[in-house]
Amino acid sequence: MKIAIASGKGGTGKTTLSVNLSAYLAEDEEIVLSDLDVEEPNSGLFINARMVHEEEKYKMVPEWKEDQCTLCGICQEVCNFHAVIQLGEMIMVFPELCHGCYACSELCPTDALPMIPKKMGMLKHLQNDKLSFIESRLDVGEEQAVPLIKQSQDYIDEHFTDDILRIYDSPPGTSCPVIEATKDADFVILVTEPTPFGLHDLKIAVETMKELKKPFGVVVNRHGIGNDGVLRYCEDKDIPVLAKIPNDRKIAELYSEGKLIYNEVPEVKQELDKIIAYLRTLKQGGVQ
């Protein structure tokens, strides 16, 4: 199974749930945890593991060859993202806007826009016993997270068999990076908090998952603060609430020290057990 852990907003506890659930499961079986929040990955702060592999990641962008160009203007016409524009007798390429679709390069009649690799980030593969951790980090100044997320998922597909459970710590929000991180998931866990802001953004995340036709459930983090609006919403919409992680100062203290929580706070382990039981029921029911 591929489990994506997402949310409608940042700071709800996606990483807290991802690393603790992964470490807990890895006590008994092989697990792959991938931090797909490539703009600011932080799952690695909680994972004590040895480096297995590290590589630079690249995306393909066009490079203008002035001596071959006839200034026909086709490249500017076919680029939907304004990454290639014609200014007088010059073709300007903006790599930060390029989505690597190859349209300008393939349709250029004189091959004046060959695609070349441009470094966009790094991928690291770390190992701690049965837990494999994949972290990808976008270079500072890079605009697009989606290509690096896609390449990270491809790396996992190439190096791990399908029978190993994969957990994706997804980016926050509901924009393109989240779509990329969750589109191939078998199940999505939406982490929220019991506040008006949490409910507002949960509703957006729910609509996004429905649009993607993804099965999903909700985990309420910091349960005990705010109000019961999230729980009433989930009940009204028949959305399964998988767990309620309590609002506990000790959890915040452990998190701030970069420590795992489930072994220190029994209530957290109990809630993780509920999530694991639900996921196993899903798998037995046919979600592969």
Protein backbone atom coordinates (compact mmCIF):
# COMPACT_ATOMS: atom_id res chain seq x y z
CA MET A 1 0.00 0.00 0.00
CA LYS A 2 0.95 3.61 -0.57
CA ILE A 3 -0.24 5.86 2.27
CA ALA A 4 -0.03 9.63 1.82
CA ILE A 5 -0.25 11.80 4.93
CA ALA A 6 -1.51 15.24 3.97
CA SER A 7 -3.49 18.23 5.25
CA GLY A 8 -5.14 21.39 4.06
CA LYS A 9 -2.68 23.60 5.95
CA GLY A 10 0.78 23.54 7.42
CA GLY A 11 1.58 22.87 11.06
CA THR A 12 -1.16 20.32 11.72
CA GLY A 13 1.18 17.43 12.53
CA LYS A 14 1.79 15.57 9.26
CA THR A 15 5.46 14.99 10.03
CA THR A 16 4.74 14.02 13.64
CA LEU A 17 2.32 11.36 12.46
CA SER A 18 4.48 10.24 9.53
CA VAL A 19 7.67 9.59 11.46
CA ASN A 20 6.02 8.03 14.51
CA LEU A 21 3.73 5.78 12.46
CA SER A 22 6.63 4.70 10.25
CA ALA A 23 8.99 4.00 13.16
CA TYR A 24 6.30 2.08 15.03
CA LEU A 25 5.46 -0.08 12.00
CA ALA A 26 9.17 -0.63 11.26
CA GLU A 27 9.53 -2.49 14.57
CA ASP A 28 7.86 -5.48 12.88
CA GLU A 29 8.05 -4.99 9.10
CA GLU A 30 9.92 -3.21 6.33
CA ILE A 31 8.67 0.35 5.80
CA VAL A 32 9.58 3.11 3.37
CA LEU A 33 9.09 6.66 4.63
CA SER A 34 9.51 9.40 2.05
CA ASP A 35 9.51 13.12 2.86
CA LEU A 36 7.87 14.64 -0.20
CA ASP A 37 7.64 18.12 1.31
CA VAL A 38 10.72 18.89 -0.77
CA GLU A 39 10.65 22.65 -0.17
CA GLU A 40 11.23 22.20 3.57
CA PRO A 41 11.70 18.51 4.48
CA ASN A 42 12.00 17.89 8.22
CA SER A 43 11.17 14.21 8.76
CA GLY A 44 14.91 13.56 8.83
CA LEU A 45 15.21 15.50 12.08
CA PHE A 46 13.53 12.56 13.83
CA ILE A 47 15.20 9.69 11.96
CA ASN A 48 18.54 8.35 13.17
CA ALA A 49 19.83 6.42 10.16
CA ARG A 50 22.94 5.76 8.08
CA MET A 51 23.38 7.12 4.57
CA VAL A 52 22.92 4.51 1.85
CA HIS A 53 22.84 6.65 -1.26
CA GLU A 54 22.88 10.31 -2.29
CA GLU A 55 22.42 11.83 -5.71
CA GLU A 56 21.78 15.15 -7.42
CA LYS A 57 18.44 15.48 -9.21
CA TYR A 58 17.92 17.36 -12.46
CA LYS A 59 15.09 18.63 -14.61
CA MET A 60 15.29 19.21 -18.35
CA VAL A 61 14.99 22.79 -19.67
CA PRO A 62 15.56 24.28 -23.15
CA GLU A 63 18.72 26.14 -24.14
CA TRP A 64 18.56 28.61 -27.04
CA LYS A 65 21.02 28.11 -29.91
CA GLU A 66 21.13 31.53 -31.59
CA ASP A 67 23.02 30.37 -34.68
CA GLN A 68 20.33 27.78 -35.48
CA CYS A 69 17.27 29.92 -34.72
CA THR A 70 15.11 31.44 -37.48
CA LEU A 71 12.91 33.38 -35.02
CA CYS A 72 9.77 31.67 -36.30
CA GLY A 73 8.04 32.20 -32.95
CA ILE A 74 6.63 28.67 -32.60
CA CYS A 75 8.33 28.15 -29.23
CA GLN A 76 6.62 31.16 -27.69
CA GLU A 77 3.24 30.12 -29.11
CA VAL A 78 3.32 26.57 -27.69
CA CYS A 79 4.66 27.41 -24.21
CA ASN A 80 1.69 27.60 -21.82
CA PHE A 81 3.88 28.80 -18.95
CA HIS A 82 5.68 31.75 -20.62
CA ALA A 83 9.02 30.09 -19.98
CA VAL A 84 10.09 30.88 -23.56
CA ILE A 85 9.46 34.31 -25.05
CA GLN A 86 10.67 36.17 -28.12
CA LEU A 87 12.03 39.68 -27.68
CA GLY A 88 13.00 41.19 -30.99
CA GLU A 89 15.76 39.00 -32.39
CA MET A 90 16.31 37.15 -29.13
CA ILE A 91 14.67 34.11 -27.52
CA MET A 92 14.69 34.26 -23.73
CA VAL A 93 14.33 31.11 -21.63
CA PHE A 94 13.22 31.24 -17.98
CA PRO A 95 14.21 27.86 -16.47
CA GLU A 96 12.29 28.56 -13.24
CA LEU A 97 9.01 28.68 -15.20
CA CYS A 98 9.74 25.69 -17.43
CA HIS A 99 7.64 22.56 -16.80
CA GLY A 100 9.82 20.34 -18.96
CA CYS A 101 7.05 19.45 -21.42
CA TYR A 102 9.50 19.45 -24.37
CA ALA A 103 6.95 21.21 -26.64
CA CYS A 104 9.25 24.07 -27.63
CA SER A 105 12.17 21.72 -28.23
CA GLU A 106 10.26 19.08 -30.18
CA LEU A 107 8.35 21.55 -32.35
CA CYS A 108 11.31 23.80 -33.20
CA PRO A 109 11.91 23.28 -36.95
CA THR A 110 15.67 23.97 -36.66
CA ASP A 111 16.43 22.22 -33.35
CA ALA A 112 17.41 25.56 -31.83
CA LEU A 113 16.07 24.66 -28.37
CA PRO A 114 17.72 21.41 -27.22
CA MET A 115 16.81 20.26 -23.72
CA ILE A 116 19.64 20.28 -21.18
CA PRO A 117 19.75 19.13 -17.53
CA LYS A 118 19.50 21.73 -14.77
CA LYS A 119 20.13 20.76 -11.14
CA MET A 120 17.06 21.24 -8.97
CA GLY A 121 17.85 19.41 -5.74
CA MET A 122 19.20 16.39 -3.88
CA LEU A 123 17.86 12.98 -2.96
CA LYS A 124 19.12 11.00 0.03
CA HIS A 125 18.41 7.38 0.92
CA LEU A 126 19.00 6.44 4.56
CA GLN A 127 18.51 3.15 6.37
CA ASN A 128 17.76 2.24 9.99
CA ASP A 129 17.15 -1.49 10.32
CA LYS A 130 13.72 -2.09 8.69
CA LEU A 131 13.00 1.60 8.10
CA SER A 132 14.13 3.06 4.77
CA PHE A 133 13.98 6.84 4.65
CA ILE A 134 13.99 8.84 1.41
CA GLU A 135 14.47 12.60 1.68
CA SER A 136 14.44 14.98 -1.27
CA ARG A 137 15.37 18.63 -0.89
CA LEU A 138 14.74 21.36 -3.47
CA ASP A 139 17.58 23.80 -4.08
CA VAL A 140 17.08 27.32 -2.76
CA GLY A 141 15.54 29.50 -5.45
CA GLU A 142 13.94 26.65 -7.39
CA GLU A 143 10.29 27.39 -8.14
CA GLN A 144 8.81 23.97 -8.82
CA ALA A 145 8.51 21.10 -6.37
CA VAL A 146 6.54 18.74 -8.62
CA PRO A 147 9.44 17.42 -10.77
CA LEU A 148 11.47 16.50 -7.68
CA ILE A 149 8.48 14.85 -6.01
CA LYS A 150 7.91 12.79 -9.17
CA GLN A 151 11.55 11.72 -9.35
CA SER A 152 11.50 10.78 -5.65
CA GLN A 153 8.51 8.51 -6.21
CA ASP A 154 10.22 7.01 -9.26
CA TYR A 155 13.30 6.25 -7.13
CA ILE A 156 11.14 4.40 -4.61
CA ASP A 157 9.39 2.42 -7.36
CA GLU A 158 12.77 1.39 -8.78
CA HIS A 159 14.35 0.35 -5.47
CA PHE A 160 11.52 -1.20 -3.45
CA THR A 161 9.07 -3.98 -4.16
CA ASP A 162 5.32 -3.38 -4.12
CA ASP A 163 4.77 -5.51 -1.01
CA ILE A 164 6.56 -2.96 1.20
CA LEU A 165 4.32 -0.35 2.83
CA ARG A 166 5.17 3.17 1.71
CA ILE A 167 4.32 6.28 3.70
CA TYR A 168 4.53 9.67 2.02
CA ASP A 169 4.92 12.76 4.22
CA SER A 170 3.22 15.14 1.79
CA PRO A 171 3.52 18.93 1.35
CA PRO A 172 0.92 21.14 3.06
CA GLY A 173 -2.03 22.71 1.28
CA THR A 174 -3.90 21.54 -1.80
CA SER A 175 -1.78 22.87 -4.67
CA CYS A 176 0.19 21.04 -7.37
CA PRO A 177 2.83 19.47 -5.05
CA VAL A 178 0.09 17.85 -2.96
CA ILE A 179 -1.65 16.55 -6.07
CA GLU A 180 1.62 14.97 -7.23
CA ALA A 181 2.35 13.46 -3.81
CA THR A 182 -1.10 11.91 -3.41
CA LYS A 183 -2.28 11.03 -6.93
CA ASP A 184 -0.86 7.47 -6.81
CA ALA A 185 -1.67 6.82 -3.14
CA ASP A 186 -3.99 3.97 -2.19
CA PHE A 187 -5.21 5.88 0.86
CA VAL A 188 -4.77 9.41 2.18
CA ILE A 189 -4.69 10.37 5.85
CA LEU A 190 -5.71 14.01 6.34
CA VAL A 191 -4.29 15.49 9.53
CA THR A 192 -6.19 18.40 11.04
CA GLU A 193 -6.63 20.24 14.31
CA PRO A 194 -9.90 21.00 16.11
CA THR A 195 -9.96 24.72 15.41
CA PRO A 196 -11.91 26.92 12.96
CA PHE A 197 -8.78 27.27 10.82
CA GLY A 198 -8.25 23.52 10.88
CA LEU A 199 -11.84 22.86 9.85
CA HIS A 200 -11.75 25.44 7.07
CA ASP A 201 -8.67 23.93 5.46
CA LEU A 202 -9.81 20.36 6.10
CA LYS A 203 -12.89 21.03 3.99
CA ILE A 204 -10.68 22.16 1.10
CA ALA A 205 -8.48 19.08 1.47
CA VAL A 206 -11.55 16.82 1.53
CA GLU A 207 -12.86 18.33 -1.69
CA THR A 208 -9.45 17.86 -3.28
CA MET A 209 -9.34 14.17 -2.36
CA LYS A 210 -12.87 13.70 -3.67
CA GLU A 211 -11.83 15.31 -6.96
CA LEU A 212 -8.89 12.88 -7.13
CA LYS A 213 -11.25 10.02 -6.19
CA LYS A 214 -8.97 9.00 -3.33
CA PRO A 215 -10.22 7.13 -0.25
CA PHE A 216 -9.28 9.06 2.86
CA GLY A 217 -9.71 9.35 6.60
CA VAL A 218 -8.99 12.02 9.19
CA VAL A 219 -6.64 12.16 12.15
CA VAL A 220 -7.36 14.91 14.66
CA ASN A 221 -4.14 16.22 16.21
CA ARG A 222 -4.02 18.29 19.42
CA HIS A 223 -7.39 16.84 20.37
CA GLY A 224 -8.77 18.73 23.36
CA ILE A 225 -8.22 22.29 22.17
CA GLY A 226 -10.66 24.36 20.13
CA ASN A 227 -14.14 22.93 19.62
CA ASP A 228 -15.92 19.89 18.21
CA GLY A 229 -16.51 21.42 14.77
CA VAL A 230 -14.14 19.00 13.01
CA LEU A 231 -15.73 15.94 14.60
CA ARG A 232 -19.24 17.12 13.76
CA TYR A 233 -18.20 17.82 10.17
CA CYS A 234 -16.67 14.35 9.79
CA GLU A 235 -19.80 12.78 11.27
CA ASP A 236 -22.08 14.74 8.96
CA LYS A 237 -20.01 13.84 5.88
CA ASP A 238 -19.49 10.20 6.94
CA ILE A 239 -15.71 10.65 7.02
CA PRO A 240 -13.88 8.11 9.20
CA VAL A 241 -11.92 9.61 12.09
CA LEU A 242 -9.00 7.23 12.44
CA ALA A 243 -7.44 8.66 15.59
CA LYS A 244 -7.38 11.58 18.01
CA ILE A 245 -3.91 12.51 19.17
CA PRO A 246 -4.18 14.37 22.48
CA ASN A 247 -3.02 17.91 23.14
CA ASP A 248 -0.18 17.16 25.56
CA ARG A 249 2.71 19.39 26.59
CA LYS A 250 5.01 16.36 26.76
CA ILE A 251 4.39 15.70 23.06
CA ALA A 252 5.45 19.25 22.23
CA GLU A 253 8.57 18.92 24.40
CA LEU A 254 9.61 15.65 22.75
CA TYR A 255 8.94 17.05 19.29
CA SER A 256 11.01 20.16 19.98
CA GLU A 257 13.92 17.90 20.98
CA GLY A 258 13.68 15.88 17.76
CA LYS A 259 12.50 12.73 19.54
CA LEU A 260 9.90 10.15 18.62
CA ILE A 261 6.75 10.28 20.71
CA TYR A 262 4.93 6.96 20.62
CA ASN A 263 7.22 5.18 23.09
CA GLU A 264 7.08 8.06 25.57
CA VAL A 265 3.36 8.86 25.50
CA PRO A 266 1.14 5.73 25.78
CA GLU A 267 -1.92 7.58 24.47
CA VAL A 268 -0.12 8.24 21.18
CA LYS A 269 0.77 4.57 20.72
CA GLN A 270 -2.86 3.66 21.36
CA GLU A 271 -4.00 6.04 18.65
CA LEU A 272 -1.36 4.72 16.23
CA ASP A 273 -2.69 1.22 16.89
CA LYS A 274 -6.12 2.40 15.75
CA ILE A 275 -4.67 3.78 12.50
CA ILE A 276 -2.73 0.58 11.84
CA ALA A 277 -5.81 -1.56 12.49
CA TYR A 278 -7.81 0.56 10.03
CA LEU A 279 -5.13 0.30 7.35
CA ARG A 280 -4.95 -3.47 7.74
CA THR A 281 -8.71 -3.68 7.39
CA LEU A 282 -8.46 -1.66 4.18
CA LYS A 283 -5.82 -3.95 2.77
CA GLN A 284 -7.80 -7.06 3.63
CA GLY A 285 -10.78 -5.42 1.95
CA GLY A 286 -8.96 -5.14 -1.36
CA VAL A 287 -6.93 -1.91 -1.30
CA GLN A 288 -3.52 -2.96 -2.59
